[in-house]
Amino acid sequence: MRKLLVLIDPTQWIDGVFPDYYLNKVTTLSLQLDALVELYAVGYSGSLHNAYRFDREAEKQAIQGYVKGLEKQLVEISQELQSRGVSVGYDVDWHKDYAATITAKANHFSPDLIVAPFNLHKGSYVLNQGQWKLVAEVEQPLLVIKESAWGSHPRILAAIDPFHPGSRSELLELKIIEVFKKISQALVAEQHVLHAFTTIPQATIFNEHVTLNFQKLQEGITQQHKEALAELFEAQALHDAIPHLEQGEFHEEIEDLCQSALIDVIVMGSVSRGITDRLLIGSSVERIMDSVDADLLLINDK
């Protein structure tokens, strides 16, 4: 991981100051990975566009002024990062489509990791439509930074499912493990791996013979998951990682583990879904983002 595309949210620039927690994490990543940082801000103002709807020349000048303001902010952030020993450049774009512009920038810059801030909104971490499109569309790993600081000896958790032999999902699990290893090694982190699974509820079984042997059935399913996790650990040489095999809903188990193990970063898959699917079945990403203090390193299934 030699190139980091670091997204700058202009709305986080408050009273001439940019959040230090974000710059601290960017600094740590850059120095530990020996990576080049490219700061990138995408600006757009619908009210500015509407104000000059009938005067295109005035609108052009207003946009230039807006972009120059963003550039000034990025120059100040660049100078701060350079004073910390970070190799840094910057770029600014004006565009209404936030996700498409960043995706195009990523395709051109070819970063190994995209770093993005996500703000609290009325006490919750809620992604807007542009941010959701970004999560769904970028092919590179996307690290979502939250306000909580990393420990001096960070704890990183990979959320995986070993039951995908020969499928597209198996490739996603391998990508998760690859990124997990790289980040863990760079940050000299304590490694944790979680596989959460659910078994068949007894109330849904109508076969009397199966019902009588329900406990044995449950034990058999648990043993299968235990063996699959052990095989994955061996195949991927996860010898330094602490395994966690939990029976229960994924978002509940990962929340409990993050609290008990003081996890700093979660590495997990981000399966592309349309907005209708997300509204109907919910989103593991948004559920977890709202319930844990850890940062999320999302790996797209593309």
Protein backbone atom coordinates (compact mmCIF):
# COMPACT_ATOMS: atom_id res chain seq x y z
CA MET A 1 0.00 0.00 0.00
CA ARG A 2 2.06 2.88 -1.35
CA LYS A 3 -0.62 5.38 -2.42
CA LEU A 4 -3.42 6.79 -0.28
CA LEU A 5 -6.27 8.89 -1.68
CA VAL A 6 -7.43 10.93 1.32
CA LEU A 7 -10.84 12.58 0.93
CA ILE A 8 -11.32 15.98 2.55
CA ASP A 9 -14.84 17.03 3.50
CA PRO A 10 -15.06 20.85 3.32
CA THR A 11 -17.88 20.88 5.88
CA GLN A 12 -15.44 19.58 8.52
CA TRP A 13 -13.38 22.75 8.23
CA ILE A 14 -14.63 24.66 11.26
CA ASP A 15 -13.26 28.05 12.36
CA GLY A 16 -10.15 27.56 10.27
CA VAL A 17 -9.34 24.19 11.84
CA PHE A 18 -9.57 20.69 10.37
CA PRO A 19 -10.20 17.75 12.75
CA ASP A 20 -6.91 16.53 14.22
CA TYR A 21 -8.17 12.97 14.79
CA TYR A 22 -8.43 12.55 11.02
CA LEU A 23 -4.99 13.97 10.29
CA ASN A 24 -3.47 11.84 13.07
CA LYS A 25 -4.75 8.63 11.48
CA VAL A 26 -3.71 9.72 7.99
CA THR A 27 -0.24 10.51 9.35
CA THR A 28 0.06 7.12 11.06
CA LEU A 29 -1.03 5.24 7.93
CA SER A 30 1.27 7.20 5.64
CA LEU A 31 4.35 6.85 7.82
CA GLN A 32 3.78 3.19 8.72
CA LEU A 33 3.00 2.20 5.14
CA ASP A 34 5.64 4.54 3.68
CA ALA A 35 2.87 5.79 1.40
CA LEU A 36 2.28 8.90 -0.69
CA VAL A 37 -0.85 10.86 0.28
CA GLU A 38 -3.06 12.64 -2.25
CA LEU A 39 -5.57 14.97 -0.59
CA TYR A 40 -8.76 15.29 -2.62
CA ALA A 41 -11.79 17.53 -2.15
CA VAL A 42 -14.96 17.54 -4.23
CA GLY A 43 -16.98 20.73 -3.90
CA TYR A 44 -20.43 21.67 -5.13
CA SER A 45 -23.02 24.25 -4.10
CA GLY A 46 -26.53 24.02 -5.49
CA SER A 47 -27.42 27.44 -4.09
CA LEU A 48 -24.42 29.00 -5.85
CA HIS A 49 -25.44 27.37 -9.11
CA ASN A 50 -29.02 28.62 -8.77
CA ALA A 51 -27.94 32.13 -7.82
CA TYR A 52 -26.17 32.60 -11.17
CA ARG A 53 -28.49 30.54 -13.34
CA PHE A 54 -28.97 33.39 -15.83
CA ASP A 55 -25.41 34.71 -15.73
CA ARG A 56 -23.00 31.96 -16.72
CA GLU A 57 -19.93 34.17 -16.66
CA ALA A 58 -20.66 35.30 -13.10
CA GLU A 59 -21.33 31.67 -12.13
CA LYS A 60 -17.97 30.64 -13.59
CA GLN A 61 -16.18 33.29 -11.54
CA ALA A 62 -18.08 32.30 -8.39
CA ILE A 63 -17.12 28.66 -8.89
CA GLN A 64 -13.48 29.64 -9.37
CA GLY A 65 -13.60 31.53 -6.08
CA TYR A 66 -15.17 28.56 -4.33
CA VAL A 67 -12.55 26.17 -5.69
CA LYS A 68 -9.73 28.53 -4.72
CA GLY A 69 -11.10 28.50 -1.17
CA LEU A 70 -10.94 24.70 -1.16
CA GLU A 71 -7.41 24.78 -2.54
CA LYS A 72 -6.36 27.13 0.26
CA GLN A 73 -7.71 24.65 2.82
CA LEU A 74 -5.86 21.76 1.19
CA VAL A 75 -2.61 23.73 1.08
CA GLU A 76 -2.85 24.32 4.84
CA ILE A 77 -3.58 20.63 5.49
CA SER A 78 -0.71 19.64 3.18
CA GLN A 79 1.70 21.89 5.06
CA GLU A 80 0.61 20.38 8.37
CA LEU A 81 1.09 16.83 7.08
CA GLN A 82 4.46 17.71 5.54
CA SER A 83 5.61 19.03 8.92
CA ARG A 84 4.87 15.54 10.27
CA GLY A 85 7.02 13.88 7.60
CA VAL A 86 4.22 12.88 5.20
CA SER A 87 4.74 13.00 1.42
CA VAL A 88 1.61 14.76 0.20
CA GLY A 89 -0.04 16.32 -2.84
CA TYR A 90 -3.55 17.68 -3.37
CA ASP A 91 -6.30 18.10 -5.95
CA VAL A 92 -9.73 19.75 -6.08
CA ASP A 93 -12.77 19.22 -8.30
CA TRP A 94 -16.15 20.87 -8.65
CA HIS A 95 -18.90 18.38 -9.47
CA LYS A 96 -22.46 17.57 -8.43
CA ASP A 97 -21.96 13.78 -8.53
CA TYR A 98 -19.74 13.16 -5.47
CA ALA A 99 -19.31 9.40 -5.91
CA ALA A 100 -18.72 9.42 -9.67
CA THR A 101 -16.09 12.17 -9.38
CA ILE A 102 -14.18 10.34 -6.66
CA THR A 103 -14.43 7.05 -8.56
CA ALA A 104 -12.99 8.74 -11.66
CA LYS A 105 -10.19 10.25 -9.56
CA ALA A 106 -9.45 6.83 -8.05
CA ASN A 107 -9.32 5.23 -11.49
CA HIS A 108 -6.80 7.87 -12.58
CA PHE A 109 -4.68 8.00 -9.41
CA SER A 110 -4.88 4.23 -8.71
CA PRO A 111 -4.62 4.40 -4.92
CA ASP A 112 -4.13 1.27 -2.84
CA LEU A 113 -6.44 2.68 -0.18
CA ILE A 114 -9.07 5.44 -0.06
CA VAL A 115 -9.53 7.21 3.28
CA ALA A 116 -12.78 9.03 3.98
CA PRO A 117 -14.29 10.89 6.96
CA PHE A 118 -17.89 10.33 7.97
CA ASN A 119 -19.55 12.78 10.30
CA LEU A 120 -21.97 12.32 13.14
CA HIS A 121 -25.48 13.43 12.18
CA LYS A 122 -27.78 14.01 15.14
CA GLY A 123 -25.87 11.46 17.20
CA SER A 124 -25.71 8.80 14.49
CA TYR A 125 -23.41 7.86 11.63
CA VAL A 126 -25.69 8.13 8.60
CA LEU A 127 -24.44 7.91 5.02
CA ASN A 128 -26.04 10.15 2.43
CA GLN A 129 -26.82 8.92 -1.08
CA GLY A 130 -23.50 10.13 -2.50
CA GLN A 131 -21.55 8.37 0.23
CA TRP A 132 -23.53 5.17 -0.29
CA LYS A 133 -22.75 5.31 -4.00
CA LEU A 134 -19.08 5.72 -3.12
CA VAL A 135 -19.17 2.63 -0.87
CA ALA A 136 -20.86 0.65 -3.65
CA GLU A 137 -18.82 1.88 -6.62
CA VAL A 138 -15.15 2.25 -5.68
CA GLU A 139 -13.07 -0.84 -6.32
CA GLN A 140 -10.28 0.10 -3.91
CA PRO A 141 -10.47 -0.59 -0.15
CA LEU A 142 -12.26 2.29 1.59
CA LEU A 143 -11.33 3.22 5.16
CA VAL A 144 -14.11 5.10 6.93
CA ILE A 145 -12.58 7.22 9.69
CA LYS A 146 -14.50 7.97 12.88
CA GLU A 147 -13.62 10.23 15.77
CA SER A 148 -12.32 7.68 18.25
CA ALA A 149 -8.50 7.52 18.47
CA TRP A 150 -6.51 4.37 17.78
CA GLY A 151 -4.67 2.77 20.65
CA SER A 152 -0.88 2.78 20.72
CA HIS A 153 -1.14 -0.95 19.96
CA PRO A 154 -4.19 -1.03 17.64
CA ARG A 155 -6.57 -3.95 17.51
CA ILE A 156 -7.84 -4.90 14.07
CA LEU A 157 -10.75 -7.25 13.38
CA ALA A 158 -11.47 -9.09 10.14
CA ALA A 159 -15.10 -10.15 9.72
CA ILE A 160 -15.20 -13.20 7.46
CA ASP A 161 -17.35 -16.12 6.35
CA PRO A 162 -15.38 -19.24 5.29
CA PHE A 163 -18.38 -20.95 3.63
CA HIS A 164 -17.95 -19.79 0.02
CA PRO A 165 -15.85 -22.42 -1.82
CA GLY A 166 -15.21 -21.57 -5.48
CA SER A 167 -17.56 -18.56 -5.55
CA ARG A 168 -17.30 -14.81 -6.05
CA SER A 169 -17.82 -14.42 -2.31
CA GLU A 170 -14.78 -16.59 -1.64
CA LEU A 171 -12.68 -14.12 -3.62
CA LEU A 172 -14.09 -11.32 -1.45
CA GLU A 173 -13.06 -13.19 1.72
CA LEU A 174 -9.52 -13.57 0.34
CA LYS A 175 -9.38 -9.83 -0.44
CA ILE A 176 -10.54 -9.07 3.11
CA ILE A 177 -7.80 -11.26 4.57
CA GLU A 178 -5.13 -9.78 2.28
CA VAL A 179 -5.95 -6.19 3.28
CA PHE A 180 -6.33 -7.23 6.92
CA LYS A 181 -2.81 -8.67 6.92
CA LYS A 182 -1.28 -5.60 5.26
CA ILE A 183 -2.89 -3.10 7.63
CA SER A 184 -2.19 -5.25 10.69
CA GLN A 185 1.47 -5.60 9.76
CA ALA A 186 1.88 -1.89 9.03
CA LEU A 187 0.27 -0.80 12.30
CA VAL A 188 1.86 -3.64 14.31
CA ALA A 189 -1.67 -4.46 15.40
CA GLU A 190 -3.26 -7.17 17.49
CA GLN A 191 -5.23 -9.34 15.05
CA HIS A 192 -8.74 -10.68 15.61
CA VAL A 193 -10.90 -12.68 13.20
CA LEU A 194 -14.66 -13.07 13.64
CA HIS A 195 -17.01 -15.54 12.01
CA ALA A 196 -20.61 -15.24 13.23
CA PHE A 197 -23.25 -17.73 12.16
CA THR A 198 -26.86 -18.58 12.87
CA THR A 199 -28.41 -22.04 13.12
CA ILE A 200 -31.89 -23.27 12.24
CA PRO A 201 -34.51 -22.13 14.79
CA GLN A 202 -36.20 -25.14 16.35
CA ALA A 203 -39.64 -23.58 15.79
CA THR A 204 -39.19 -23.81 12.02
CA ILE A 205 -38.58 -27.59 12.03
CA PHE A 206 -41.71 -29.68 11.48
CA ASN A 207 -40.07 -33.08 11.16
CA GLU A 208 -40.59 -34.87 14.49
CA HIS A 209 -37.45 -36.98 14.13
CA VAL A 210 -35.29 -33.92 13.45
CA THR A 211 -36.89 -32.05 16.37
CA LEU A 212 -35.97 -34.85 18.78
CA ASN A 213 -32.37 -34.64 17.61
CA PHE A 214 -32.26 -30.84 17.49
CA GLN A 215 -29.40 -30.49 19.95
CA LYS A 216 -27.27 -32.94 17.96
CA LEU A 217 -28.14 -31.01 14.79
CA GLN A 218 -27.02 -27.75 16.40
CA GLU A 219 -23.79 -29.31 17.61
CA GLY A 220 -23.11 -30.68 14.12
CA ILE A 221 -23.62 -27.27 12.50
CA THR A 222 -21.36 -25.59 15.05
CA GLN A 223 -18.66 -28.21 14.44
CA GLN A 224 -18.83 -27.58 10.68
CA HIS A 225 -18.29 -23.85 11.20
CA LYS A 226 -15.46 -24.51 13.65
CA GLU A 227 -13.69 -26.79 11.16
CA ALA A 228 -14.22 -24.35 8.26
CA LEU A 229 -12.73 -21.49 10.29
CA ALA A 230 -9.75 -23.63 11.33
CA GLU A 231 -9.12 -24.64 7.70
CA LEU A 232 -9.21 -21.00 6.62
CA PHE A 233 -6.76 -20.02 9.37
CA GLU A 234 -4.37 -22.73 8.19
CA ALA A 235 -4.75 -21.99 4.48
CA GLN A 236 -4.24 -18.23 4.94
CA ALA A 237 -1.50 -18.51 7.57
CA LEU A 238 -3.44 -16.53 10.16
CA HIS A 239 -1.22 -17.89 12.92
CA ASP A 240 -1.01 -14.60 14.85
CA ALA A 241 -4.74 -13.88 14.79
CA ILE A 242 -7.18 -14.57 17.61
CA PRO A 243 -10.21 -16.52 16.28
CA HIS A 244 -13.74 -15.71 17.41
CA LEU A 245 -16.51 -18.13 16.43
CA GLU A 246 -19.86 -16.79 17.60
CA GLN A 247 -23.41 -18.04 17.17
CA GLY A 248 -25.82 -15.17 16.62
CA GLU A 249 -26.69 -12.24 14.37
CA PHE A 250 -23.61 -10.75 12.73
CA HIS A 251 -24.20 -7.11 13.67
CA GLU A 252 -24.90 -8.03 17.30
CA GLU A 253 -21.86 -10.29 17.67
CA ILE A 254 -19.49 -7.80 16.09
CA GLU A 255 -20.79 -5.03 18.35
CA ASP A 256 -20.20 -7.17 21.45
CA LEU A 257 -16.70 -8.16 20.31
CA CYS A 258 -15.72 -4.58 19.50
CA GLN A 259 -16.69 -3.54 23.02
CA SER A 260 -15.00 -6.44 24.81
CA ALA A 261 -11.80 -6.50 22.73
CA LEU A 262 -11.55 -2.71 22.21
CA ILE A 263 -11.34 -3.03 18.43
CA ASP A 264 -9.96 0.00 16.55
CA VAL A 265 -10.55 -1.04 12.93
CA ILE A 266 -12.98 -3.52 11.37
CA VAL A 267 -12.09 -5.00 7.97
CA MET A 268 -15.24 -6.31 6.29
CA GLY A 269 -16.86 -6.83 2.92
CA SER A 270 -19.20 -4.35 1.32
CA VAL A 271 -21.56 -6.17 -1.02
CA SER A 272 -22.97 -3.94 -3.76
CA ARG A 273 -26.73 -3.48 -3.47
CA GLY A 274 -29.26 -1.11 -4.97
CA ILE A 275 -30.93 1.48 -2.78
CA THR A 276 -34.23 -0.49 -2.84
CA ASP A 277 -32.53 -3.63 -1.48
CA ARG A 278 -30.81 -1.56 1.19
CA LEU A 279 -34.10 -0.04 2.34
CA LEU A 280 -35.84 -3.42 2.41
CA ILE A 281 -33.22 -5.55 4.18
CA GLY A 282 -31.10 -2.92 5.93
CA SER A 283 -27.35 -2.59 5.71
CA SER A 284 -24.74 -4.34 7.83
CA VAL A 285 -22.35 -1.46 7.12
CA GLU A 286 -24.71 1.23 8.39
CA ARG A 287 -25.85 -0.85 11.37
CA ILE A 288 -22.27 -1.44 12.44
CA MET A 289 -21.19 2.12 11.75
CA ASP A 290 -23.90 3.40 14.06
CA SER A 291 -23.26 0.88 16.86
CA VAL A 292 -19.45 0.69 17.24
CA ASP A 293 -16.68 3.23 17.73
CA ALA A 294 -14.26 1.39 15.44
CA ASP A 295 -13.32 2.58 11.96
CA LEU A 296 -14.55 0.50 9.03
CA LEU A 297 -12.25 -0.68 6.27
CA LEU A 298 -14.65 -1.76 3.54
CA ILE A 299 -13.67 -4.19 0.78
CA ASN A 300 -15.90 -4.10 -2.29
CA ASP A 301 -17.04 -7.36 -3.87
CA LYS A 302 -16.17 -6.14 -7.38
